[in-house]
Amino acid sequence: MTERVFEVLNRTIEHPSYLVAKDKLVEAVSISRNLNGAAVFLSGPTRCGKTQLLNDVQVELGKRPDLSSDLLEYSGLSGASDFVIGSIPTKPNSKTLLSAMLEAVGVKAGPTQSAHDLQARLCFAVREKGIRTIALDECSHCAERGAHLSKRGATDHFKWLIDQTGVTLILAGLPKFQGLIDENEQLRDRTLSTIELFPYAWSNGADATSFAAAFSEALCNMQAAGGQFDFDFEELVVRLYGVTGGRVGMLVRILQVAALKMKSKTLTSKIISDSAIQLTQKSLNAGYFFGEEAPQKIDLVRSYIHVMQEAGLDVTPESLIDLEALEAA
């Protein structure tokens, strides 16, 4: 039973900000394909659901390459998709960046190949396999200290791939990657408007409602799999917001750990509390948010601000409590 409850939490929760981002990304891919290639940056703090969004869009848009059945069989591409997903490694250099893109399209890079050879293989593989969209997660690794290639060097690889193949390149990662786009005018002019998937702000009534609705949908999925609940929903959603800072992806992660901890079919606030504390570092204050006293509204606002600022994002105060929380941050 625990396995069934855990499994249903892998279903996408189609909350409002997710749906807006998904619609924009689907439209951007369509525009890019008509323009014979472009880049799209999917930006957001960690655990906001970017990876899940990429997987869902791949399922919706990915098709078998438009190749003859004989060529598909010969290339081992039967049932393959023209929409592939990869991930950029930490501290990338030219070779590891190109190797990651090659592996995304299903080609293993040789350890002794030069960057020039890897470029040629990548270009050939994209064309041969009929790849139309490549999504690269963790693109912000290119903007971190310790990356073994210049900012210009990283973005030039992306610009080159678009120009050579006409592929749509979806780059997903932390907001810090925006700086690399802005600093390379050639990639910037090949990149469509940035798509943002951000956490919900508790001080915004509609956002708070959307976060609560996402929690409710997750519970409904668990209930359909046989789960039962013994807690006050209104109280628990506030505590969970405090720990997650409004991130639905983080909310689901806590519930997944809770599902693994369930020894019966009943989910309790104690199980969720223990899961949140075990899953998070002390800086997220899970112990405080699940303490005896209910958290104050300003604590929830501070949690959201912490997530945004940690991702390098500015927060514009829209109320007095926002301003007070910002001054204390």
C-alpha atoms as a PDB file:
ATOM      1  CA  MET A   1       0.000   0.000   0.000  1.00  0.00           C
ATOM      2  CA  THR A   2       2.866   2.358   0.844  1.00  0.00           C
ATOM      3  CA  GLU A   3       4.318   1.744  -2.633  1.00  0.00           C
ATOM      4  CA  ARG A   4       0.998   2.646  -4.289  1.00  0.00           C
ATOM      5  CA  VAL A   5       0.737   5.864  -2.289  1.00  0.00           C
ATOM      6  CA  PHE A   6       4.342   6.758  -3.138  1.00  0.00           C
ATOM      7  CA  GLU A   7       3.799   5.998  -6.827  1.00  0.00           C
ATOM      8  CA  VAL A   8       0.795   8.304  -7.249  1.00  0.00           C
ATOM      9  CA  LEU A   9       2.910  11.194  -5.937  1.00  0.00           C
ATOM     10  CA  ASN A  10       4.925  10.921  -9.154  1.00  0.00           C
ATOM     11  CA  ARG A  11       1.902  12.267 -10.998  1.00  0.00           C
ATOM     12  CA  THR A  12       2.210  15.880 -12.022  1.00  0.00           C
ATOM     13  CA  ILE A  13       0.258  18.350  -9.922  1.00  0.00           C
ATOM     14  CA  GLU A  14      -1.046  20.796 -12.499  1.00  0.00           C
ATOM     15  CA  HIS A  15      -1.171  23.893 -10.312  1.00  0.00           C
ATOM     16  CA  PRO A  16      -1.622  27.358 -11.897  1.00  0.00           C
ATOM     17  CA  SER A  17       1.999  28.495 -12.216  1.00  0.00           C
ATOM     18  CA  TYR A  18       2.958  25.085 -13.630  1.00  0.00           C
ATOM     19  CA  LEU A  19       0.208  25.279 -16.263  1.00  0.00           C
ATOM     20  CA  VAL A  20       1.199  28.812 -17.275  1.00  0.00           C
ATOM     21  CA  ALA A  21       4.840  27.770 -17.654  1.00  0.00           C
ATOM     22  CA  LYS A  22       3.884  24.636 -19.566  1.00  0.00           C
ATOM     23  CA  ASP A  23       1.678  26.528 -22.028  1.00  0.00           C
ATOM     24  CA  LYS A  24       4.444  29.070 -22.617  1.00  0.00           C
ATOM     25  CA  LEU A  25       7.053  26.356 -23.148  1.00  0.00           C
ATOM     26  CA  VAL A  26       4.893  24.406 -25.596  1.00  0.00           C
ATOM     27  CA  GLU A  27       4.226  27.598 -27.556  1.00  0.00           C
ATOM     28  CA  ALA A  28       7.922  28.557 -27.489  1.00  0.00           C
ATOM     29  CA  VAL A  29       8.929  25.177 -28.934  1.00  0.00           C
ATOM     30  CA  SER A  30       6.393  25.627 -31.731  1.00  0.00           C
ATOM     31  CA  ILE A  31       7.722  29.109 -32.514  1.00  0.00           C
ATOM     32  CA  SER A  32      11.319  27.892 -32.449  1.00  0.00           C
ATOM     33  CA  ARG A  33      10.606  25.075 -34.866  1.00  0.00           C
ATOM     34  CA  ASN A  34       9.053  27.531 -37.300  1.00  0.00           C
ATOM     35  CA  LEU A  35      12.090  29.798 -36.959  1.00  0.00           C
ATOM     36  CA  ASN A  36      14.438  26.871 -37.716  1.00  0.00           C
ATOM     37  CA  GLY A  37      15.887  26.830 -34.223  1.00  0.00           C
ATOM     38  CA  ALA A  38      16.128  28.936 -31.094  1.00  0.00           C
ATOM     39  CA  ALA A  39      16.929  28.670 -27.405  1.00  0.00           C
ATOM     40  CA  VAL A  40      14.441  28.851 -24.538  1.00  0.00           C
ATOM     41  CA  PHE A  41      15.479  29.447 -20.926  1.00  0.00           C
ATOM     42  CA  LEU A  42      13.290  27.833 -18.241  1.00  0.00           C
ATOM     43  CA  SER A  43      14.226  29.616 -15.025  1.00  0.00           C
ATOM     44  CA  GLY A  44      13.373  28.974 -11.405  1.00  0.00           C
ATOM     45  CA  PRO A  45      14.717  28.169  -7.930  1.00  0.00           C
ATOM     46  CA  THR A  46      15.564  24.579  -7.092  1.00  0.00           C
ATOM     47  CA  ARG A  47      12.668  22.208  -6.333  1.00  0.00           C
ATOM     48  CA  CYS A  48      10.093  24.310  -8.173  1.00  0.00           C
ATOM     49  CA  GLY A  49       9.253  21.574 -10.697  1.00  0.00           C
ATOM     50  CA  LYS A  50      11.393  22.444 -13.740  1.00  0.00           C
ATOM     51  CA  THR A  51      12.545  18.861 -14.331  1.00  0.00           C
ATOM     52  CA  GLN A  52       9.000  17.520 -14.071  1.00  0.00           C
ATOM     53  CA  LEU A  53       7.869  20.158 -16.552  1.00  0.00           C
ATOM     54  CA  LEU A  54      10.561  19.108 -19.051  1.00  0.00           C
ATOM     55  CA  ASN A  55       9.486  15.470 -18.742  1.00  0.00           C
ATOM     56  CA  ASP A  56       5.832  16.337 -19.279  1.00  0.00           C
ATOM     57  CA  VAL A  57       6.518  18.529 -22.320  1.00  0.00           C
ATOM     58  CA  GLN A  58       8.699  15.791 -23.779  1.00  0.00           C
ATOM     59  CA  VAL A  59       5.774  13.358 -23.525  1.00  0.00           C
ATOM     60  CA  GLU A  60       3.415  15.892 -25.118  1.00  0.00           C
ATOM     61  CA  LEU A  61       5.629  17.088 -27.967  1.00  0.00           C
ATOM     62  CA  GLY A  62       8.082  14.272 -28.612  1.00  0.00           C
ATOM     63  CA  LYS A  63       7.493  12.198 -31.728  1.00  0.00           C
ATOM     64  CA  ARG A  64       9.359   9.544 -33.629  1.00  0.00           C
ATOM     65  CA  PRO A  65      11.853  11.094 -36.034  1.00  0.00           C
ATOM     66  CA  ASP A  66      10.533  11.623 -39.558  1.00  0.00           C
ATOM     67  CA  LEU A  67      12.761   8.967 -41.074  1.00  0.00           C
ATOM     68  CA  SER A  68      12.040   5.903 -43.178  1.00  0.00           C
ATOM     69  CA  SER A  69      11.254   2.688 -41.298  1.00  0.00           C
ATOM     70  CA  ASP A  70      14.378   1.052 -42.737  1.00  0.00           C
ATOM     71  CA  LEU A  71      16.609   3.862 -41.457  1.00  0.00           C
ATOM     72  CA  LEU A  72      14.903   3.790 -38.070  1.00  0.00           C
ATOM     73  CA  GLU A  73      15.543   0.076 -37.780  1.00  0.00           C
ATOM     74  CA  TYR A  74      19.124   0.410 -38.984  1.00  0.00           C
ATOM     75  CA  SER A  75      19.893   3.205 -36.512  1.00  0.00           C
ATOM     76  CA  GLY A  76      18.206   1.448 -33.603  1.00  0.00           C
ATOM     77  CA  LEU A  77      15.746   4.345 -33.294  1.00  0.00           C
ATOM     78  CA  SER A  78      12.490   2.425 -33.426  1.00  0.00           C
ATOM     79  CA  GLY A  79      10.188   4.100 -30.895  1.00  0.00           C
ATOM     80  CA  ALA A  80      12.709   6.874 -30.210  1.00  0.00           C
ATOM     81  CA  SER A  81      11.681  10.487 -29.663  1.00  0.00           C
ATOM     82  CA  ASP A  82      12.805  13.609 -31.481  1.00  0.00           C
ATOM     83  CA  PHE A  83      12.659  15.419 -28.105  1.00  0.00           C
ATOM     84  CA  VAL A  84      15.506  14.408 -25.785  1.00  0.00           C
ATOM     85  CA  ILE A  85      16.575  15.486 -22.303  1.00  0.00           C
ATOM     86  CA  GLY A  86      20.054  15.674 -20.791  1.00  0.00           C
ATOM     87  CA  SER A  87      21.826  17.319 -17.893  1.00  0.00           C
ATOM     88  CA  ILE A  88      24.913  19.510 -17.728  1.00  0.00           C
ATOM     89  CA  PRO A  89      27.517  18.268 -15.234  1.00  0.00           C
ATOM     90  CA  THR A  90      29.045  20.341 -12.471  1.00  0.00           C
ATOM     91  CA  LYS A  91      32.146  22.373 -13.331  1.00  0.00           C
ATOM     92  CA  PRO A  92      31.771  21.730 -17.062  1.00  0.00           C
ATOM     93  CA  ASN A  93      34.464  22.262 -19.649  1.00  0.00           C
ATOM     94  CA  SER A  94      34.037  22.206 -23.424  1.00  0.00           C
ATOM     95  CA  LYS A  95      34.442  18.442 -23.662  1.00  0.00           C
ATOM     96  CA  THR A  96      32.124  17.513 -20.782  1.00  0.00           C
ATOM     97  CA  LEU A  97      29.499  19.996 -21.988  1.00  0.00           C
ATOM     98  CA  LEU A  98      29.553  18.574 -25.515  1.00  0.00           C
ATOM     99  CA  SER A  99      29.631  15.016 -24.120  1.00  0.00           C
ATOM    100  CA  ALA A 100      26.505  15.755 -22.069  1.00  0.00           C
ATOM    101  CA  MET A 101      24.707  16.958 -25.194  1.00  0.00           C
ATOM    102  CA  LEU A 102      25.894  13.904 -27.120  1.00  0.00           C
ATOM    103  CA  GLU A 103      24.653  11.566 -24.394  1.00  0.00           C
ATOM    104  CA  ALA A 104      21.291  13.344 -24.450  1.00  0.00           C
ATOM    105  CA  VAL A 105      20.882  12.323 -28.099  1.00  0.00           C
ATOM    106  CA  GLY A 106      21.982   8.767 -27.305  1.00  0.00           C
ATOM    107  CA  VAL A 107      25.634   8.801 -28.349  1.00  0.00           C
ATOM    108  CA  LYS A 108      28.509   7.871 -26.055  1.00  0.00           C
ATOM    109  CA  ALA A 109      31.437  10.249 -26.264  1.00  0.00           C
ATOM    110  CA  GLY A 110      34.943   8.795 -26.578  1.00  0.00           C
ATOM    111  CA  PRO A 111      37.359   9.751 -23.767  1.00  0.00           C
ATOM    112  CA  THR A 112      40.149  10.790 -26.137  1.00  0.00           C
ATOM    113  CA  GLN A 113      38.082  12.793 -28.602  1.00  0.00           C
ATOM    114  CA  SER A 114      38.798  16.497 -28.961  1.00  0.00           C
ATOM    115  CA  ALA A 115      36.157  19.170 -28.512  1.00  0.00           C
ATOM    116  CA  HIS A 116      36.195  19.721 -32.282  1.00  0.00           C
ATOM    117  CA  ASP A 117      35.506  16.021 -32.897  1.00  0.00           C
ATOM    118  CA  LEU A 118      32.703  16.035 -30.321  1.00  0.00           C
ATOM    119  CA  GLN A 119      31.109  19.025 -32.045  1.00  0.00           C
ATOM    120  CA  ALA A 120      31.176  17.209 -35.366  1.00  0.00           C
ATOM    121  CA  ARG A 121      29.691  14.044 -33.853  1.00  0.00           C
ATOM    122  CA  LEU A 122      26.964  16.023 -32.100  1.00  0.00           C
ATOM    123  CA  CYS A 123      25.970  17.857 -35.262  1.00  0.00           C
ATOM    124  CA  PHE A 124      25.908  14.593 -37.239  1.00  0.00           C
ATOM    125  CA  ALA A 125      23.914  12.722 -34.573  1.00  0.00           C
ATOM    126  CA  VAL A 126      21.238  15.429 -34.308  1.00  0.00           C
ATOM    127  CA  ARG A 127      20.726  15.374 -38.064  1.00  0.00           C
ATOM    128  CA  GLU A 128      20.944  11.602 -38.468  1.00  0.00           C
ATOM    129  CA  LYS A 129      18.501  10.888 -35.666  1.00  0.00           C
ATOM    130  CA  GLY A 130      16.038  13.618 -36.595  1.00  0.00           C
ATOM    131  CA  ILE A 131      16.309  15.339 -33.214  1.00  0.00           C
ATOM    132  CA  ARG A 132      14.228  18.513 -33.125  1.00  0.00           C
ATOM    133  CA  THR A 133      14.382  19.483 -29.435  1.00  0.00           C
ATOM    134  CA  ILE A 134      17.135  19.083 -26.848  1.00  0.00           C
ATOM    135  CA  ALA A 135      16.372  20.029 -23.229  1.00  0.00           C
ATOM    136  CA  LEU A 136      19.385  20.489 -20.952  1.00  0.00           C
ATOM    137  CA  ASP A 137      18.739  20.599 -17.217  1.00  0.00           C
ATOM    138  CA  GLU A 138      21.154  22.206 -14.726  1.00  0.00           C
ATOM    139  CA  CYS A 139      22.352  24.761 -17.290  1.00  0.00           C
ATOM    140  CA  SER A 140      23.243  27.126 -14.433  1.00  0.00           C
ATOM    141  CA  HIS A 141      26.286  24.931 -13.751  1.00  0.00           C
ATOM    142  CA  CYS A 142      27.852  26.912 -16.603  1.00  0.00           C
ATOM    143  CA  ALA A 143      27.477  30.087 -14.526  1.00  0.00           C
ATOM    144  CA  GLU A 144      28.927  28.750 -11.284  1.00  0.00           C
ATOM    145  CA  ARG A 145      32.367  29.336  -9.886  1.00  0.00           C
ATOM    146  CA  GLY A 146      34.687  26.533 -10.858  1.00  0.00           C
ATOM    147  CA  ALA A 147      33.301  26.023 -14.360  1.00  0.00           C
ATOM    148  CA  HIS A 148      36.263  25.159 -16.565  1.00  0.00           C
ATOM    149  CA  LEU A 149      35.217  27.231 -19.534  1.00  0.00           C
ATOM    150  CA  SER A 150      34.459  30.896 -19.950  1.00  0.00           C
ATOM    151  CA  LYS A 151      30.908  32.190 -19.852  1.00  0.00           C
ATOM    152  CA  ARG A 152      31.276  33.104 -23.497  1.00  0.00           C
ATOM    153  CA  GLY A 153      32.664  29.678 -24.283  1.00  0.00           C
ATOM    154  CA  ALA A 154      29.653  27.919 -22.789  1.00  0.00           C
ATOM    155  CA  THR A 155      27.040  30.019 -24.547  1.00  0.00           C
ATOM    156  CA  ASP A 156      28.933  29.886 -27.843  1.00  0.00           C
ATOM    157  CA  HIS A 157      28.478  26.100 -27.844  1.00  0.00           C
ATOM    158  CA  PHE A 158      24.707  26.540 -27.530  1.00  0.00           C
ATOM    159  CA  LYS A 159      24.609  29.216 -30.247  1.00  0.00           C
ATOM    160  CA  TRP A 160      26.701  27.007 -32.540  1.00  0.00           C
ATOM    161  CA  LEU A 161      24.396  24.001 -32.096  1.00  0.00           C
ATOM    162  CA  ILE A 162      21.298  26.035 -32.957  1.00  0.00           C
ATOM    163  CA  ASP A 163      22.908  27.524 -36.065  1.00  0.00           C
ATOM    164  CA  GLN A 164      24.291  24.221 -37.330  1.00  0.00           C
ATOM    165  CA  THR A 165      21.239  22.026 -36.790  1.00  0.00           C
ATOM    166  CA  GLY A 166      18.146  24.235 -36.426  1.00  0.00           C
ATOM    167  CA  VAL A 167      17.374  22.428 -33.167  1.00  0.00           C
ATOM    168  CA  THR A 168      15.267  23.896 -30.374  1.00  0.00           C
ATOM    169  CA  LEU A 169      17.440  24.107 -27.261  1.00  0.00           C
ATOM    170  CA  ILE A 170      15.631  24.293 -23.910  1.00  0.00           C
ATOM    171  CA  LEU A 171      17.985  25.384 -21.135  1.00  0.00           C
ATOM    172  CA  ALA A 172      16.609  24.822 -17.644  1.00  0.00           C
ATOM    173  CA  GLY A 173      18.251  25.979 -14.438  1.00  0.00           C
ATOM    174  CA  LEU A 174      18.664  28.572 -11.735  1.00  0.00           C
ATOM    175  CA  PRO A 175      18.079  32.250 -12.580  1.00  0.00           C
ATOM    176  CA  LYS A 176      21.826  32.990 -12.479  1.00  0.00           C
ATOM    177  CA  PHE A 177      22.080  31.568 -16.010  1.00  0.00           C
ATOM    178  CA  GLN A 178      20.198  34.616 -17.283  1.00  0.00           C
ATOM    179  CA  GLY A 179      23.395  36.625 -16.914  1.00  0.00           C
ATOM    180  CA  LEU A 180      25.184  34.387 -19.420  1.00  0.00           C
ATOM    181  CA  ILE A 181      22.439  34.902 -21.966  1.00  0.00           C
ATOM    182  CA  ASP A 182      22.481  38.667 -21.481  1.00  0.00           C
ATOM    183  CA  GLU A 183      26.265  38.849 -21.850  1.00  0.00           C
ATOM    184  CA  ASN A 184      26.382  36.955 -25.154  1.00  0.00           C
ATOM    185  CA  GLU A 185      24.500  39.074 -27.667  1.00  0.00           C
ATOM    186  CA  GLN A 186      24.516  36.300 -30.282  1.00  0.00           C
ATOM    187  CA  LEU A 187      22.861  33.742 -27.983  1.00  0.00           C
ATOM    188  CA  ARG A 188      20.611  36.441 -26.515  1.00  0.00           C
ATOM    189  CA  ASP A 189      19.217  37.230 -29.960  1.00  0.00           C
ATOM    190  CA  ARG A 190      18.563  33.533 -30.574  1.00  0.00           C
ATOM    191  CA  THR A 191      16.796  33.060 -27.225  1.00  0.00           C
ATOM    192  CA  LEU A 192      13.057  33.536 -26.851  1.00  0.00           C
ATOM    193  CA  SER A 193      11.563  35.257 -23.813  1.00  0.00           C
ATOM    194  CA  THR A 194      12.564  33.549 -20.555  1.00  0.00           C
ATOM    195  CA  ILE A 195       9.923  31.312 -18.976  1.00  0.00           C
ATOM    196  CA  GLU A 196       9.762  31.413 -15.176  1.00  0.00           C
ATOM    197  CA  LEU A 197       8.546  28.763 -12.745  1.00  0.00           C
ATOM    198  CA  PHE A 198       8.735  30.398  -9.334  1.00  0.00           C
ATOM    199  CA  PRO A 199       7.395  29.527  -5.859  1.00  0.00           C
ATOM    200  CA  TYR A 200       4.122  30.886  -4.557  1.00  0.00           C
ATOM    201  CA  ALA A 201       4.209  33.999  -2.355  1.00  0.00           C
ATOM    202  CA  TRP A 202       2.176  33.590   0.840  1.00  0.00           C
ATOM    203  CA  SER A 203       1.457  37.327   1.077  1.00  0.00           C
ATOM    204  CA  ASN A 204      -0.405  37.046  -2.239  1.00  0.00           C
ATOM    205  CA  GLY A 205      -3.851  35.620  -1.530  1.00  0.00           C
ATOM    206  CA  ALA A 206      -4.184  33.903  -4.907  1.00  0.00           C
ATOM    207  CA  ASP A 207      -0.744  32.342  -4.523  1.00  0.00           C
ATOM    208  CA  ALA A 208      -1.541  31.036  -1.044  1.00  0.00           C
ATOM    209  CA  THR A 209      -4.744  29.491  -2.391  1.00  0.00           C
ATOM    210  CA  SER A 210      -2.860  27.870  -5.269  1.00  0.00           C
ATOM    211  CA  PHE A 211      -0.317  26.335  -2.904  1.00  0.00           C
ATOM    212  CA  ALA A 212      -3.100  24.941  -0.719  1.00  0.00           C
ATOM    213  CA  ALA A 213      -4.853  23.555  -3.802  1.00  0.00           C
ATOM    214  CA  ALA A 214      -1.639  21.788  -4.869  1.00  0.00           C
ATOM    215  CA  PHE A 215      -1.422  20.154  -1.430  1.00  0.00           C
ATOM    216  CA  SER A 216      -5.077  19.152  -1.676  1.00  0.00           C
ATOM    217  CA  GLU A 217      -4.551  17.567  -5.097  1.00  0.00           C
ATOM    218  CA  ALA A 218      -1.601  15.554  -3.809  1.00  0.00           C
ATOM    219  CA  LEU A 219      -3.734  14.299  -0.917  1.00  0.00           C
ATOM    220  CA  CYS A 220      -6.553  13.368  -3.301  1.00  0.00           C
ATOM    221  CA  ASN A 221      -4.088  11.303  -5.349  1.00  0.00           C
ATOM    222  CA  MET A 222      -2.889   9.579  -2.183  1.00  0.00           C
ATOM    223  CA  GLN A 223      -6.446   8.940  -1.074  1.00  0.00           C
ATOM    224  CA  ALA A 224      -7.279   7.349  -4.440  1.00  0.00           C
ATOM    225  CA  ALA A 225      -4.393   4.937  -3.814  1.00  0.00           C
ATOM    226  CA  GLY A 226      -5.839   3.912  -0.452  1.00  0.00           C
ATOM    227  CA  GLY A 227      -4.320   6.497   1.856  1.00  0.00           C
ATOM    228  CA  GLN A 228      -6.190   8.041   4.791  1.00  0.00           C
ATOM    229  CA  PHE A 229      -5.442  11.202   6.767  1.00  0.00           C
ATOM    230  CA  ASP A 230      -5.495  12.248  10.380  1.00  0.00           C
ATOM    231  CA  PHE A 231      -4.576  15.927  10.606  1.00  0.00           C
ATOM    232  CA  ASP A 232      -5.965  19.440  10.302  1.00  0.00           C
ATOM    233  CA  PHE A 233      -5.529  20.470   6.651  1.00  0.00           C
ATOM    234  CA  GLU A 234      -5.579  24.224   7.276  1.00  0.00           C
ATOM    235  CA  GLU A 235      -2.944  23.981  10.001  1.00  0.00           C
ATOM    236  CA  LEU A 236      -0.691  21.614   8.087  1.00  0.00           C
ATOM    237  CA  VAL A 237      -0.695  23.568   4.827  1.00  0.00           C
ATOM    238  CA  VAL A 238       0.665  26.605   6.709  1.00  0.00           C
ATOM    239  CA  ARG A 239       3.472  24.585   8.266  1.00  0.00           C
ATOM    240  CA  LEU A 240       4.347  22.953   4.947  1.00  0.00           C
ATOM    241  CA  TYR A 241       4.419  26.313   3.230  1.00  0.00           C
ATOM    242  CA  GLY A 242       6.906  27.562   5.793  1.00  0.00           C
ATOM    243  CA  VAL A 243       9.291  24.659   5.151  1.00  0.00           C
ATOM    244  CA  THR A 244       8.988  24.741   1.357  1.00  0.00           C
ATOM    245  CA  GLY A 245       8.890  28.494   0.808  1.00  0.00           C
ATOM    246  CA  GLY A 246       6.015  27.976  -1.616  1.00  0.00           C
ATOM    247  CA  ARG A 247       7.742  25.377  -3.810  1.00  0.00           C
ATOM    248  CA  VAL A 248       5.343  22.671  -4.967  1.00  0.00           C
ATOM    249  CA  GLY A 249       8.204  20.391  -6.003  1.00  0.00           C
ATOM    250  CA  MET A 250       9.572  20.499  -2.455  1.00  0.00           C
ATOM    251  CA  LEU A 251       6.086  19.860  -1.068  1.00  0.00           C
ATOM    252  CA  VAL A 252       5.756  16.694  -3.154  1.00  0.00           C
ATOM    253  CA  ARG A 253       9.223  15.555  -2.080  1.00  0.00           C
ATOM    254  CA  ILE A 254       8.233  15.785   1.596  1.00  0.00           C
ATOM    255  CA  LEU A 255       5.027  13.845   0.935  1.00  0.00           C
ATOM    256  CA  GLN A 256       6.988  11.151  -0.905  1.00  0.00           C
ATOM    257  CA  VAL A 257       9.237  10.645   2.109  1.00  0.00           C
ATOM    258  CA  ALA A 258       6.130  10.597   4.316  1.00  0.00           C
ATOM    259  CA  ALA A 259       4.597   7.891   2.119  1.00  0.00           C
ATOM    260  CA  LEU A 260       7.704   5.762   2.600  1.00  0.00           C
ATOM    261  CA  LYS A 261       7.408   6.210   6.368  1.00  0.00           C
ATOM    262  CA  MET A 262       3.748   5.153   6.560  1.00  0.00           C
ATOM    263  CA  LYS A 263       3.455   1.873   8.470  1.00  0.00           C
ATOM    264  CA  SER A 264      -0.309   1.863   8.046  1.00  0.00           C
ATOM    265  CA  LYS A 265      -2.673   3.477   5.545  1.00  0.00           C
ATOM    266  CA  THR A 266      -3.084   6.586   7.708  1.00  0.00           C
ATOM    267  CA  LEU A 267      -0.920   9.663   7.143  1.00  0.00           C
ATOM    268  CA  THR A 268      -0.497  11.854  10.222  1.00  0.00           C
ATOM    269  CA  SER A 269       0.992  15.273  10.860  1.00  0.00           C
ATOM    270  CA  LYS A 270       3.727  13.545  12.907  1.00  0.00           C
ATOM    271  CA  ILE A 271       4.807  11.497   9.904  1.00  0.00           C
ATOM    272  CA  ILE A 272       4.886  14.615   7.717  1.00  0.00           C
ATOM    273  CA  SER A 273       6.745  16.576  10.391  1.00  0.00           C
ATOM    274  CA  ASP A 274       9.377  13.859  10.793  1.00  0.00           C
ATOM    275  CA  SER A 275       9.738  13.638   7.008  1.00  0.00           C
ATOM    276  CA  ALA A 276      10.218  17.384   6.588  1.00  0.00           C
ATOM    277  CA  ILE A 277      12.835  17.511   9.343  1.00  0.00           C
ATOM    278  CA  GLN A 278      14.709  14.484   7.990  1.00  0.00           C
ATOM    279  CA  LEU A 279      14.650  15.778   4.421  1.00  0.00           C
ATOM    280  CA  THR A 280      15.812  19.352   4.995  1.00  0.00           C
ATOM    281  CA  GLN A 281      18.777  21.215   6.403  1.00  0.00           C
ATOM    282  CA  LYS A 282      18.403  23.276   9.589  1.00  0.00           C
ATOM    283  CA  SER A 283      18.492  26.499   7.563  1.00  0.00           C
ATOM    284  CA  LEU A 284      14.950  25.718   6.334  1.00  0.00           C
ATOM    285  CA  ASN A 285      13.722  25.673   9.948  1.00  0.00           C
ATOM    286  CA  ALA A 286      11.522  22.579   9.643  1.00  0.00           C
ATOM    287  CA  GLY A 287      11.769  22.046  13.404  1.00  0.00           C
ATOM    288  CA  TYR A 288      10.420  25.535  14.016  1.00  0.00           C
ATOM    289  CA  PHE A 289       7.607  25.346  11.461  1.00  0.00           C
ATOM    290  CA  PHE A 290       6.434  22.041  12.925  1.00  0.00           C
ATOM    291  CA  GLY A 291       6.866  23.173  16.529  1.00  0.00           C
ATOM    292  CA  GLU A 292       4.208  23.544  19.183  1.00  0.00           C
ATOM    293  CA  GLU A 293       3.314  27.096  18.180  1.00  0.00           C
ATOM    294  CA  ALA A 294       1.827  27.816  14.766  1.00  0.00           C
ATOM    295  CA  PRO A 295       4.181  29.909  12.590  1.00  0.00           C
ATOM    296  CA  GLN A 296       3.380  33.589  12.115  1.00  0.00           C
ATOM    297  CA  LYS A 297       2.580  35.084   8.730  1.00  0.00           C
ATOM    298  CA  ILE A 298       5.842  37.012   8.676  1.00  0.00           C
ATOM    299  CA  ASP A 299       7.710  33.703   9.108  1.00  0.00           C
ATOM    300  CA  LEU A 300       6.017  32.386   5.967  1.00  0.00           C
ATOM    301  CA  VAL A 301       6.904  35.517   4.020  1.00  0.00           C
ATOM    302  CA  ARG A 302      10.514  35.255   5.182  1.00  0.00           C
ATOM    303  CA  SER A 303      10.626  31.647   4.000  1.00  0.00           C
ATOM    304  CA  TYR A 304       9.563  32.694   0.502  1.00  0.00           C
ATOM    305  CA  ILE A 305      12.056  35.562   0.462  1.00  0.00           C
ATOM    306  CA  HIS A 306      14.834  33.181   1.548  1.00  0.00           C
ATOM    307  CA  VAL A 307      14.128  30.850  -1.390  1.00  0.00           C
ATOM    308  CA  MET A 308      14.019  33.726  -3.862  1.00  0.00           C
ATOM    309  CA  GLN A 309      17.168  35.425  -2.598  1.00  0.00           C
ATOM    310  CA  GLU A 310      19.065  32.141  -2.438  1.00  0.00           C
ATOM    311  CA  ALA A 311      18.281  31.752  -6.150  1.00  0.00           C
ATOM    312  CA  GLY A 312      19.634  35.241  -6.800  1.00  0.00           C
ATOM    313  CA  LEU A 313      16.221  36.790  -7.363  1.00  0.00           C
ATOM    314  CA  ASP A 314      15.045  40.168  -6.134  1.00  0.00           C
ATOM    315  CA  VAL A 315      11.762  40.400  -4.255  1.00  0.00           C
ATOM    316  CA  THR A 316       9.613  43.474  -4.771  1.00  0.00           C
ATOM    317  CA  PRO A 317       7.522  44.187  -1.648  1.00  0.00           C
ATOM    318  CA  GLU A 318       3.805  44.371  -2.383  1.00  0.00           C
ATOM    319  CA  SER A 319       2.600  44.851   1.182  1.00  0.00           C
ATOM    320  CA  LEU A 320       3.794  46.113   4.549  1.00  0.00           C
ATOM    321  CA  ILE A 321       4.517  42.586   5.733  1.00  0.00           C
ATOM    322  CA  ASP A 322       6.681  42.002   2.648  1.00  0.00           C
ATOM    323  CA  LEU A 323       8.615  45.150   3.462  1.00  0.00           C
ATOM    324  CA  GLU A 324       9.023  44.141   7.106  1.00  0.00           C
ATOM    325  CA  ALA A 325      10.233  40.653   6.149  1.00  0.00           C
ATOM    326  CA  LEU A 326      12.678  42.074   3.607  1.00  0.00           C
ATOM    327  CA  GLU A 327      14.156  44.495   6.147  1.00  0.00           C
ATOM    328  CA  ALA A 328      14.704  41.585   8.556  1.00  0.00           C
ATOM    329  CA  ALA A 329      16.221  39.324   5.862  1.00  0.00           C
END
